[in-house]
Each structure stands twice: as C-alpha cells, then as structure tokens.
C-alpha cells in the first residue's frame, strides 16, 4: 500500500528537481525522491563521523588500531 506525500518546495528547488528528473532518466519526481531517500539511508552524519574519529584517536595509541598505507592493504 502506498501513501501520498504532498511536498511544498521553493520554485528554484522545484525547477532543480524537474531538471534532475529529465536529465537523470527518471520516470517521475517520485522515483527521483525515492532514490535520494535510499541513498540517504547509507550516509553517516557529521556527528557520527566525529564520534568515530574521536574513538579512533583514543584507541590508536593503545595499539587497538592498525595504520595502513592504502585502502588496498585492507582488501
């Protein structure tokens, strides 16, 4: 079952959405907004990133973390 959401946007934002739908090959604005929401699910907030960084700063001197020279070394 789907629900309907009416969204009020400033004119400039509405025009941007229309442009992205057209140039991105989306069937509708709804499809574009759904994609944005799906992408947002995987993002880390700035607060979460700062907390993770602070924890790493505390753990590295204790030898709990290993410094790598590149991402390839993690694979």
N, C-alpha and C. Protein backbone atom coordinates (compact mmCIF):
# COMPACT_ATOMS: atom_id res chain seq x y z
N UNK A 1 0.84 -1.18 0.00
CA UNK A 1 0.00 0.00 0.00
C UNK A 1 0.89 1.23 0.00
N UNK A 2 0.60 2.15 -0.84
CA UNK A 2 1.38 3.38 -0.93
C UNK A 2 0.64 4.51 -0.24
N UNK A 3 1.41 5.44 0.26
CA UNK A 3 0.86 6.65 0.85
C UNK A 3 1.29 7.83 -0.01
N UNK A 4 0.52 8.87 0.03
CA UNK A 4 0.80 10.05 -0.77
C UNK A 4 1.34 11.14 0.14
N UNK A 5 2.40 11.80 -0.33
CA UNK A 5 3.01 12.89 0.39
C UNK A 5 3.01 14.11 -0.52
N UNK A 6 2.37 15.17 -0.08
CA UNK A 6 2.42 16.44 -0.82
C UNK A 6 3.58 17.23 -0.26
N UNK A 7 4.38 17.78 -1.15
CA UNK A 7 5.60 18.45 -0.75
C UNK A 7 5.62 19.87 -1.31
N UNK A 8 5.87 20.82 -0.44
CA UNK A 8 5.95 22.21 -0.86
C UNK A 8 7.42 22.60 -0.98
N UNK A 9 7.82 23.07 -2.15
CA UNK A 9 9.21 23.43 -2.41
C UNK A 9 9.29 24.85 -2.94
N UNK A 10 10.41 25.52 -2.65
CA UNK A 10 10.63 26.81 -3.31
C UNK A 10 10.73 26.58 -4.83
N UNK A 11 10.39 27.59 -5.59
CA UNK A 11 10.37 27.45 -7.05
C UNK A 11 11.71 26.96 -7.60
N UNK A 12 12.81 27.49 -7.07
CA UNK A 12 14.13 27.10 -7.57
C UNK A 12 14.39 25.62 -7.32
N UNK A 13 14.00 25.14 -6.15
CA UNK A 13 14.19 23.73 -5.81
C UNK A 13 13.32 22.85 -6.70
N UNK A 14 12.08 23.28 -6.92
CA UNK A 14 11.18 22.54 -7.79
C UNK A 14 11.76 22.43 -9.20
N UNK A 15 12.32 23.52 -9.71
CA UNK A 15 12.92 23.51 -11.04
C UNK A 15 14.13 22.57 -11.08
N UNK A 16 14.90 22.56 -10.00
CA UNK A 16 16.06 21.65 -9.92
C UNK A 16 15.60 20.20 -9.97
N UNK A 17 14.55 19.88 -9.23
CA UNK A 17 14.02 18.51 -9.23
C UNK A 17 13.56 18.14 -10.63
N UNK A 18 12.81 19.02 -11.28
CA UNK A 18 12.35 18.74 -12.65
C UNK A 18 13.52 18.50 -13.59
N UNK A 19 14.57 19.30 -13.46
CA UNK A 19 15.75 19.16 -14.31
C UNK A 19 16.44 17.82 -14.06
N UNK A 20 16.59 17.45 -12.79
CA UNK A 20 17.26 16.19 -12.45
C UNK A 20 16.45 14.99 -12.94
N UNK A 21 15.13 15.08 -12.86
CA UNK A 21 14.27 14.00 -13.35
C UNK A 21 14.49 13.83 -14.85
N UNK A 22 14.49 14.94 -15.56
CA UNK A 22 14.63 14.90 -17.02
C UNK A 22 16.01 14.41 -17.44
N UNK A 23 17.06 14.99 -16.87
CA UNK A 23 18.42 14.64 -17.29
C UNK A 23 18.90 13.32 -16.70
N UNK A 24 18.28 12.89 -15.61
CA UNK A 24 18.70 11.65 -14.97
C UNK A 24 17.97 10.42 -15.46
N UNK A 25 17.01 10.62 -16.36
CA UNK A 25 16.30 9.49 -16.91
C UNK A 25 15.27 8.88 -15.97
N UNK A 26 14.81 9.64 -15.00
CA UNK A 26 13.80 9.14 -14.08
C UNK A 26 12.43 9.24 -14.72
N UNK A 27 11.54 8.34 -14.32
CA UNK A 27 10.18 8.35 -14.85
C UNK A 27 9.34 9.45 -14.20
N UNK A 28 9.70 9.82 -12.96
CA UNK A 28 8.90 10.80 -12.24
C UNK A 28 9.72 11.43 -11.12
N UNK A 29 9.20 12.51 -10.59
CA UNK A 29 9.83 13.14 -9.43
C UNK A 29 9.80 12.18 -8.24
N UNK A 30 8.74 11.40 -8.13
CA UNK A 30 8.64 10.43 -7.03
C UNK A 30 9.79 9.43 -7.09
N UNK A 31 10.10 8.95 -8.27
CA UNK A 31 11.19 7.99 -8.41
C UNK A 31 12.52 8.63 -8.00
N UNK A 32 12.73 9.87 -8.39
CA UNK A 32 13.95 10.59 -8.03
C UNK A 32 14.04 10.78 -6.51
N UNK A 33 12.95 11.19 -5.88
CA UNK A 33 12.94 11.41 -4.43
C UNK A 33 13.16 10.09 -3.70
N UNK A 34 12.56 9.00 -4.18
CA UNK A 34 12.78 7.68 -3.56
C UNK A 34 14.26 7.31 -3.62
N UNK A 35 14.91 7.57 -4.75
CA UNK A 35 16.33 7.28 -4.87
C UNK A 35 17.14 8.09 -3.86
N UNK A 36 16.82 9.37 -3.72
CA UNK A 36 17.53 10.21 -2.75
C UNK A 36 17.36 9.68 -1.34
N UNK A 37 16.17 9.23 -1.00
CA UNK A 37 15.93 8.69 0.33
C UNK A 37 16.70 7.39 0.55
N UNK A 38 16.76 6.54 -0.46
CA UNK A 38 17.54 5.30 -0.36
C UNK A 38 19.03 5.61 -0.16
N UNK A 39 19.53 6.61 -0.89
CA UNK A 39 20.93 6.99 -0.75
C UNK A 39 21.21 7.56 0.64
N UNK A 40 20.26 8.29 1.17
CA UNK A 40 20.41 8.90 2.48
C UNK A 40 20.53 7.85 3.58
N UNK A 41 19.91 6.69 3.39
CA UNK A 41 19.96 5.62 4.38
C UNK A 41 21.39 5.21 4.71
N UNK A 42 22.26 5.25 3.71
CA UNK A 42 23.63 4.79 3.90
C UNK A 42 24.62 5.85 4.33
N UNK A 43 24.15 7.07 4.51
CA UNK A 43 25.07 8.15 4.87
C UNK A 43 25.35 8.19 6.37
N UNK A 44 26.51 8.66 6.72
CA UNK A 44 26.90 8.85 8.11
C UNK A 44 26.81 10.34 8.41
N UNK A 45 26.20 10.68 9.53
CA UNK A 45 26.08 12.09 9.90
C UNK A 45 27.44 12.63 10.33
N UNK A 46 27.57 13.93 10.32
CA UNK A 46 28.81 14.57 10.76
C UNK A 46 29.10 14.23 12.21
N UNK A 47 28.06 14.18 13.03
CA UNK A 47 28.24 13.82 14.45
C UNK A 47 28.77 12.40 14.60
N UNK A 48 28.21 11.46 13.83
CA UNK A 48 28.69 10.07 13.89
C UNK A 48 30.15 9.98 13.45
N UNK A 49 30.49 10.70 12.41
CA UNK A 49 31.86 10.69 11.90
C UNK A 49 32.83 11.26 12.93
N UNK A 50 32.44 12.35 13.59
CA UNK A 50 33.29 12.93 14.63
C UNK A 50 33.46 11.98 15.81
N UNK A 51 32.40 11.29 16.20
CA UNK A 51 32.49 10.32 17.29
C UNK A 51 33.44 9.18 16.93
N UNK A 52 33.32 8.67 15.69
CA UNK A 52 34.19 7.60 15.24
C UNK A 52 35.65 8.05 15.20
N UNK A 53 35.88 9.27 14.77
CA UNK A 53 37.24 9.81 14.71
C UNK A 53 37.83 9.97 16.11
N UNK A 54 37.03 10.47 17.04
CA UNK A 54 37.49 10.64 18.41
C UNK A 54 37.82 9.29 19.04
N UNK A 55 36.99 8.29 18.76
CA UNK A 55 37.25 6.96 19.29
C UNK A 55 38.55 6.39 18.71
N UNK A 56 38.76 6.58 17.43
CA UNK A 56 39.99 6.11 16.79
C UNK A 56 41.21 6.82 17.38
N UNK A 57 41.08 8.12 17.65
CA UNK A 57 42.19 8.87 18.27
C UNK A 57 42.55 8.30 19.64
N UNK A 58 41.53 7.83 20.37
CA UNK A 58 41.79 7.25 21.69
C UNK A 58 42.38 5.84 21.58
N UNK A 59 41.90 5.07 20.62
CA UNK A 59 42.31 3.67 20.52
C UNK A 59 43.65 3.47 19.82
N UNK A 60 44.02 4.34 18.93
CA UNK A 60 45.28 4.16 18.18
C UNK A 60 46.50 4.12 19.10
N UNK A 61 46.64 5.06 20.04
CA UNK A 61 47.82 4.99 20.92
C UNK A 61 47.85 3.73 21.80
N UNK A 62 46.70 3.13 22.01
CA UNK A 62 46.62 1.91 22.81
C UNK A 62 46.94 0.67 21.99
N UNK A 63 47.21 0.85 20.72
CA UNK A 63 47.54 -0.27 19.84
C UNK A 63 46.33 -1.05 19.36
N UNK A 64 45.16 -0.52 19.54
CA UNK A 64 43.94 -1.22 19.13
C UNK A 64 43.66 -1.07 17.65
N UNK A 65 44.28 -0.10 17.01
CA UNK A 65 44.08 0.13 15.58
C UNK A 65 45.40 -0.08 14.85
N UNK A 66 45.28 -0.45 13.60
CA UNK A 66 46.47 -0.67 12.78
C UNK A 66 46.47 0.37 11.67
N UNK A 67 47.58 1.07 11.53
CA UNK A 67 47.69 2.09 10.48
C UNK A 67 48.04 1.40 9.16
N UNK A 68 47.29 1.74 8.12
CA UNK A 68 47.51 1.20 6.78
C UNK A 68 47.95 2.32 5.86
N UNK A 69 48.78 1.98 4.88
CA UNK A 69 49.27 2.99 3.95
C UNK A 69 48.28 3.25 2.83
N UNK A 70 47.42 2.28 2.54
CA UNK A 70 46.46 2.46 1.45
C UNK A 70 45.22 1.60 1.70
N UNK A 71 44.16 1.90 0.95
CA UNK A 71 42.97 1.09 1.03
C UNK A 71 43.21 -0.33 0.52
N UNK A 72 44.14 -0.47 -0.40
CA UNK A 72 44.44 -1.78 -0.96
C UNK A 72 44.91 -2.75 0.12
N UNK A 73 45.59 -2.26 1.15
CA UNK A 73 46.06 -3.11 2.23
C UNK A 73 44.91 -3.67 3.07
N UNK A 74 43.76 -3.03 3.00
CA UNK A 74 42.60 -3.53 3.75
C UNK A 74 41.89 -4.67 3.05
N UNK A 75 42.15 -4.82 1.76
CA UNK A 75 41.46 -5.84 0.96
C UNK A 75 42.08 -7.19 1.13
